[in-house]
Amino acid sequence: MFTQRKVAIIGDGMVGSSIAYTLIVKSNVNSITIIDINKDKTEGDALDMNHAMSLFSPKEIKSGDYEDIKEAGIIVITAGAAQKPGETRIDLLHKNEMIFDSIFEQMKPYLDPRSIVLIVTNPVDILSYYTYTKLGLPAQQVIGSGTVLDTARLKFLLSEDTGIDPRNIHAFVVGEHGDSELAAYSVTSIGGVSINTYCQSCGRCKRGLNLEKIEEDVINSAYEIIQKKGSTYYGIAAAVHRIIDAIINDTKSIMTVSSYIEYAYNGEISDVYLSVPSVVGRDGVSKTIWPDYSEDEKSALIESANKLKGLY
């Protein structure tokens, strides 16, 4: 039976298996199906996770095939070539375009028009747009994981400097999930106070926050992790869980997922997938929100959007 509490994960690498495990531990999904060309891997992961089921809230988890997506309310695509040390997300584009073509061919006979497709594979903004054009679903039902993780990284780094719980720091990383993303400091606040005003009265450090350095560290976080251990997967698994939780519980949460932008800023941004604050719930993305960014940030966001659009 079709329900949004059934999730299919296409791709069982470190990201896909970490997402599956995070959903078992934290989420109230009812069923998880893992699909991958390596059937032994999906069967082994399903068996391994089932052995832990008595320790968590019971769920169905199984190795499956593409026909299983006809019952899944949420389809997560993580399959693709992994990012290597020194390689940008954009470098992955042509490799993963071919992989996605193969996935779509196998998905289409079973795809339910009510399903929400969540893209995690990089470059996530471009592949989200590519998925939207190829599968024929409404744009609001095709979502990229976008800069949800980047925003979490920014909150963590600001928390490290200010000593404030990262959950009480309100901030957004917007634009491309990649090198042209930007930290929107003009709309960043702590306890309802702007980040700059807060830092002036904080007294925690003498020199104040180096916001440019923090933004640079956010952008380079994935490269650093890849250099040290080969790939990133725990952080993105938590971000994907948060997106799925918003969908199945219809929480109308505001997150910087990669969303389809038809027209913004008098057409300076149009027909592009881009990470901006978006309302996420049962129907996918119901609305995008445009805070009053500074002029420099607005220009950088437009530049980031045009960079992505140029790669289509």
Protein backbone atom coordinates (compact mmCIF):
# COMPACT_ATOMS: atom_id res chain seq x y z
CA MET A 1 0.00 0.00 0.00
CA PHE A 2 1.29 3.47 -0.93
CA THR A 3 2.21 5.66 2.02
CA GLN A 4 4.72 8.40 2.74
CA ARG A 5 5.97 6.35 5.67
CA LYS A 6 7.51 3.92 3.18
CA VAL A 7 10.94 5.01 1.95
CA ALA A 8 12.99 3.55 -0.91
CA ILE A 9 16.71 4.30 -1.01
CA ILE A 10 18.41 3.89 -4.39
CA GLY A 11 22.13 3.49 -3.84
CA ASP A 12 23.68 1.53 -0.99
CA GLY A 13 27.10 3.08 -0.61
CA MET A 14 28.19 4.71 2.63
CA VAL A 15 25.64 7.51 2.22
CA GLY A 16 22.71 5.24 1.39
CA SER A 17 23.42 2.76 4.19
CA SER A 18 24.00 5.59 6.70
CA ILE A 19 20.64 7.11 5.75
CA ALA A 20 18.92 3.74 6.18
CA TYR A 21 20.47 3.25 9.61
CA THR A 22 19.62 6.80 10.71
CA LEU A 23 15.99 6.26 9.68
CA ILE A 24 15.86 3.06 11.71
CA VAL A 25 17.27 4.71 14.83
CA LYS A 26 15.51 8.08 14.72
CA SER A 27 12.57 8.14 12.33
CA ASN A 28 8.99 6.90 12.50
CA VAL A 29 8.94 5.58 8.95
CA ASN A 30 7.24 2.19 8.68
CA SER A 31 9.26 0.57 5.91
CA ILE A 32 12.65 1.02 4.24
CA THR A 33 13.67 -0.67 0.98
CA ILE A 34 17.30 -0.51 -0.17
CA ILE A 35 17.99 -0.84 -3.91
CA ASP A 36 21.42 -1.21 -5.47
CA ILE A 37 23.10 -3.03 -8.34
CA ASN A 38 25.10 -4.89 -5.66
CA LYS A 39 22.36 -7.16 -4.34
CA ASP A 40 24.62 -8.88 -1.83
CA LYS A 41 25.38 -5.52 -0.22
CA THR A 42 21.71 -4.56 0.18
CA GLU A 43 20.81 -8.00 1.53
CA GLY A 44 23.71 -7.85 3.99
CA ASP A 45 22.81 -4.35 5.18
CA ALA A 46 19.13 -5.26 5.58
CA LEU A 47 20.05 -8.37 7.58
CA ASP A 48 22.51 -6.46 9.75
CA MET A 49 19.95 -3.75 10.56
CA ASN A 50 17.13 -6.23 11.15
CA HIS A 51 19.25 -7.88 13.83
CA ALA A 52 19.11 -4.59 15.77
CA MET A 53 15.36 -4.13 15.40
CA SER A 54 14.47 -5.37 18.87
CA LEU A 55 16.55 -2.51 20.25
CA PHE A 56 14.57 0.18 18.39
CA SER A 57 11.00 0.87 17.36
CA PRO A 58 10.23 -2.03 14.95
CA LYS A 59 10.22 -1.26 11.23
CA GLU A 60 10.40 -3.26 8.04
CA ILE A 61 13.74 -3.02 6.27
CA LYS A 62 14.55 -5.09 3.24
CA SER A 63 16.64 -5.41 0.11
CA GLY A 64 14.45 -4.69 -2.89
CA ASP A 65 14.14 -3.96 -6.59
CA TYR A 66 12.79 -1.04 -8.59
CA GLU A 67 9.27 -2.45 -8.56
CA ASP A 68 9.22 -1.75 -4.82
CA ILE A 69 9.18 2.02 -5.40
CA LYS A 70 5.53 1.84 -6.48
CA GLU A 71 4.55 1.72 -2.80
CA ALA A 72 7.11 4.26 -1.54
CA GLY A 73 5.96 7.76 -0.68
CA ILE A 74 9.56 8.99 -0.59
CA ILE A 75 12.32 7.86 -2.95
CA VAL A 76 15.85 8.85 -1.97
CA ILE A 77 18.52 8.71 -4.68
CA THR A 78 22.09 8.49 -3.41
CA ALA A 79 23.56 6.40 -6.23
CA GLY A 80 26.44 7.86 -8.21
CA ALA A 81 30.17 8.26 -8.48
CA ALA A 82 31.81 9.29 -5.22
CA GLN A 83 33.65 12.59 -4.90
CA LYS A 84 37.40 12.01 -4.79
CA PRO A 85 40.05 14.12 -3.04
CA GLY A 86 40.66 17.28 -5.09
CA GLU A 87 37.50 16.78 -7.13
CA THR A 88 34.65 19.32 -7.03
CA ARG A 89 31.00 18.38 -6.99
CA ILE A 90 30.67 19.80 -10.50
CA ASP A 91 33.40 17.42 -11.71
CA LEU A 92 30.96 14.59 -10.98
CA LEU A 93 28.27 15.92 -13.30
CA HIS A 94 28.76 13.87 -16.46
CA LYS A 95 29.51 10.63 -14.60
CA ASN A 96 26.35 10.88 -12.55
CA GLU A 97 24.16 12.06 -15.41
CA MET A 98 24.72 8.70 -17.12
CA ILE A 99 24.05 6.80 -13.89
CA PHE A 100 20.80 8.74 -13.39
CA ASP A 101 19.64 7.93 -16.93
CA SER A 102 19.92 4.24 -16.09
CA ILE A 103 18.07 4.74 -12.80
CA PHE A 104 15.23 6.67 -14.44
CA GLU A 105 14.74 4.00 -17.08
CA GLN A 106 14.21 1.42 -14.35
CA MET A 107 12.10 3.73 -12.15
CA LYS A 108 9.55 4.96 -14.67
CA PRO A 109 7.41 1.79 -14.98
CA TYR A 110 6.79 1.81 -11.22
CA LEU A 111 6.90 5.50 -10.24
CA ASP A 112 3.75 6.68 -8.48
CA PRO A 113 2.75 10.28 -9.37
CA ARG A 114 2.28 10.98 -5.66
CA SER A 115 5.86 10.08 -4.70
CA ILE A 116 8.38 12.65 -3.52
CA VAL A 117 11.87 12.16 -4.93
CA LEU A 118 14.75 13.39 -2.78
CA ILE A 119 18.11 13.76 -4.55
CA VAL A 120 21.30 13.45 -2.49
CA THR A 121 23.83 12.63 -5.22
CA ASN A 122 26.19 15.46 -6.22
CA PRO A 123 26.11 17.89 -7.89
CA VAL A 124 22.76 17.88 -6.13
CA ASP A 125 21.27 21.10 -7.56
CA ILE A 126 21.89 20.15 -11.18
CA LEU A 127 20.83 16.54 -10.71
CA SER A 128 17.64 17.70 -8.97
CA TYR A 129 16.82 19.82 -12.02
CA TYR A 130 17.73 16.90 -14.29
CA THR A 131 15.43 14.59 -12.31
CA TYR A 132 12.58 17.11 -12.53
CA THR A 133 12.87 17.34 -16.32
CA LYS A 134 13.19 13.57 -16.80
CA LEU A 135 10.59 12.11 -14.44
CA GLY A 136 7.73 14.49 -15.15
CA LEU A 137 6.74 14.97 -11.51
CA PRO A 138 5.62 18.39 -10.25
CA ALA A 139 8.60 20.50 -9.23
CA GLN A 140 7.50 20.62 -5.59
CA GLN A 141 7.82 16.81 -5.42
CA VAL A 142 11.45 16.77 -6.58
CA ILE A 143 13.75 18.05 -3.86
CA GLY A 144 17.50 18.14 -3.43
CA SER A 145 19.17 17.80 -0.04
CA GLY A 146 20.75 21.13 -0.93
CA THR A 147 22.55 23.07 1.79
CA VAL A 148 20.70 21.58 4.76
CA LEU A 149 23.98 20.02 5.90
CA ASP A 150 25.98 23.16 5.05
CA THR A 151 23.58 25.19 7.20
CA ALA A 152 24.08 22.71 10.05
CA ARG A 153 27.85 23.06 9.63
CA LEU A 154 27.54 26.84 9.83
CA LYS A 155 25.46 26.62 13.01
CA PHE A 156 28.01 24.26 14.55
CA LEU A 157 30.95 26.56 13.78
CA LEU A 158 29.11 29.63 15.07
CA SER A 159 28.23 27.64 18.19
CA GLU A 160 31.87 26.73 18.71
CA ASP A 161 32.81 30.42 18.74
CA THR A 162 29.87 31.85 20.67
CA GLY A 163 29.29 29.00 23.13
CA ILE A 164 25.58 29.02 22.28
CA ASP A 165 23.52 25.88 21.59
CA PRO A 166 23.54 25.51 17.76
CA ARG A 167 19.78 24.89 17.87
CA ASN A 168 19.36 28.48 19.07
CA ILE A 169 21.36 29.95 16.21
CA HIS A 170 19.24 30.87 13.20
CA ALA A 171 21.28 30.90 10.03
CA PHE A 172 21.15 29.87 6.37
CA VAL A 173 23.69 28.77 3.81
CA VAL A 174 22.13 29.49 0.42
CA GLY A 175 22.91 29.07 -3.27
CA GLU A 176 24.72 26.16 -4.84
CA HIS A 177 25.61 23.20 -2.66
CA GLY A 178 29.20 23.78 -3.60
CA ASP A 179 31.91 26.36 -4.01
CA SER A 180 29.62 29.32 -4.81
CA GLU A 181 27.38 28.86 -1.75
CA LEU A 182 27.24 31.69 0.78
CA ALA A 183 26.50 32.18 4.44
CA ALA A 184 23.68 34.72 4.70
CA TYR A 185 25.02 36.60 7.70
CA SER A 186 22.70 39.56 7.19
CA VAL A 187 19.78 37.34 8.31
CA THR A 188 21.70 35.32 10.94
CA SER A 189 20.57 35.78 14.52
CA ILE A 190 21.05 34.47 18.05
CA GLY A 191 18.10 34.80 20.40
CA GLY A 192 16.45 37.24 18.02
CA VAL A 193 19.54 39.47 17.90
CA SER A 194 21.57 39.88 14.73
CA ILE A 195 24.90 38.03 14.73
CA ASN A 196 26.90 41.28 14.56
CA THR A 197 24.97 42.90 17.41
CA TYR A 198 25.26 39.77 19.53
CA CYS A 199 29.02 39.55 19.03
CA GLN A 200 29.50 43.16 20.08
CA SER A 201 27.95 42.45 23.49
CA CYS A 202 28.99 38.82 23.95
CA GLY A 203 32.37 39.40 25.59
CA ARG A 204 33.46 35.82 24.90
CA CYS A 205 36.38 36.84 22.70
CA LYS A 206 38.30 40.08 22.27
CA ARG A 207 38.46 40.21 18.49
CA GLY A 208 34.95 39.07 17.61
CA LEU A 209 33.96 36.41 15.11
CA ASN A 210 35.88 36.02 11.88
CA LEU A 211 32.78 35.44 9.79
CA GLU A 212 34.66 35.16 6.50
CA LYS A 213 36.86 32.40 7.93
CA ILE A 214 33.82 30.53 9.24
CA GLU A 215 32.11 30.75 5.85
CA GLU A 216 35.28 29.48 4.17
CA ASP A 217 35.44 26.57 6.64
CA VAL A 218 31.82 25.64 5.83
CA ILE A 219 32.55 25.59 2.09
CA ASN A 220 35.69 23.49 2.60
CA SER A 221 34.23 21.11 5.20
CA ALA A 222 33.41 18.31 2.76
CA TYR A 223 36.83 18.57 1.09
CA GLU A 224 38.54 18.28 4.48
CA ILE A 225 36.49 15.22 5.47
CA ILE A 226 37.05 13.55 2.09
CA GLN A 227 40.77 14.18 2.39
CA LYS A 228 40.86 12.64 5.88
CA LYS A 229 38.56 9.63 5.53
CA GLY A 230 37.47 9.30 1.90
CA SER A 231 33.84 10.44 2.03
CA THR A 232 31.17 12.15 4.09
CA TYR A 233 28.08 10.26 5.20
CA TYR A 234 27.03 10.75 8.84
CA GLY A 235 26.20 14.44 8.48
CA ILE A 236 24.25 14.04 5.23
CA ALA A 237 22.38 11.05 6.70
CA ALA A 238 21.20 13.24 9.57
CA ALA A 239 20.21 16.01 7.14
CA VAL A 240 18.21 13.59 4.97
CA HIS A 241 16.47 12.20 8.06
CA ARG A 242 15.46 15.74 9.00
CA ILE A 243 13.99 16.36 5.53
CA ILE A 244 12.10 13.04 5.54
CA ASP A 245 10.77 13.74 9.04
CA ALA A 246 9.36 17.07 7.83
CA ILE A 247 7.64 15.34 4.90
CA ILE A 248 6.05 12.40 6.69
CA ASN A 249 4.94 14.47 9.70
CA ASP A 250 3.93 17.48 7.58
CA THR A 251 5.76 19.81 9.96
CA LYS A 252 6.06 22.67 7.45
CA SER A 253 9.70 23.07 8.49
CA ILE A 254 11.87 25.74 6.88
CA MET A 255 15.02 24.20 5.47
CA THR A 256 17.51 25.13 2.77
CA VAL A 257 16.67 22.23 0.47
CA SER A 258 17.39 22.60 -3.23
CA SER A 259 14.09 23.81 -4.67
CA TYR A 260 12.85 24.74 -8.12
CA ILE A 261 12.90 28.52 -8.56
CA GLU A 262 10.71 29.55 -11.44
CA TYR A 263 11.18 33.32 -11.12
CA ALA A 264 12.80 35.55 -8.50
CA TYR A 265 14.44 38.98 -8.28
CA ASN A 266 12.69 40.25 -11.41
CA GLY A 267 13.88 37.27 -13.40
CA GLU A 268 17.54 37.48 -12.40
CA ILE A 269 17.00 34.00 -10.98
CA SER A 270 14.74 31.74 -13.02
CA ASP A 271 14.23 28.11 -14.04
CA VAL A 272 16.88 26.74 -11.68
CA TYR A 273 17.22 24.47 -8.66
CA LEU A 274 18.82 26.39 -5.83
CA SER A 275 19.08 26.11 -2.05
CA VAL A 276 17.00 28.80 -0.38
CA PRO A 277 14.81 28.66 2.75
CA SER A 278 11.85 26.49 1.76
CA VAL A 279 8.73 25.22 3.54
CA VAL A 280 8.85 21.41 3.55
CA GLY A 281 5.86 19.22 4.38
CA ARG A 282 3.63 16.44 3.13
CA ASP A 283 3.47 17.81 -0.42
CA GLY A 284 7.18 18.46 -0.71
CA VAL A 285 8.18 22.11 -1.06
CA SER A 286 5.08 24.27 -0.76
CA LYS A 287 6.81 27.66 -0.67
CA THR A 288 10.19 29.35 -0.94
CA ILE A 289 11.07 32.24 1.36
CA TRP A 290 13.20 35.25 0.42
CA PRO A 291 14.66 37.04 3.46
CA ASP A 292 15.94 40.59 3.16
CA TYR A 293 19.51 39.70 2.24
CA SER A 294 22.17 42.37 1.92
CA GLU A 295 22.85 43.63 -1.59
CA ASP A 296 26.19 41.80 -1.67
CA GLU A 297 24.53 38.55 -0.62
CA LYS A 298 21.76 39.00 -3.15
CA SER A 299 24.33 39.53 -5.91
CA ALA A 300 26.28 36.46 -4.81
CA LEU A 301 23.08 34.38 -4.76
CA ILE A 302 22.20 35.50 -8.29
CA GLU A 303 25.75 34.70 -9.42
CA SER A 304 25.52 31.23 -7.84
CA ALA A 305 22.19 30.57 -9.57
CA ASN A 306 23.57 31.64 -12.94
CA LYS A 307 26.60 29.41 -12.47
CA LEU A 308 24.32 26.42 -12.00
CA LYS A 309 22.01 27.40 -14.83
CA GLY A 310 25.01 27.71 -17.15
CA LEU A 311 25.91 24.08 -16.45
CA TYR A 312 22.54 22.72 -17.49
